[in-house]
């Protein structure tokens, strides 16, 4: 469980990169995919920083 919590932020960042890749590959015209990926990147970064300070092995 600690391993999952420590890497939860990385999973958010990977999900954002996948969404950006899908956006680039399919040439969507909506900006909602960019907004969602931006939010996932920001949340993933903060979750990674905060949880790695709190969770100790």
Foldseek 3Di string as FASTA:
>chain_A
DLVCQLCVLVVLLVVLVVLVVVCVVVVDPDCVSVVSSVVSNVVSVVSNVVSVVVRDD
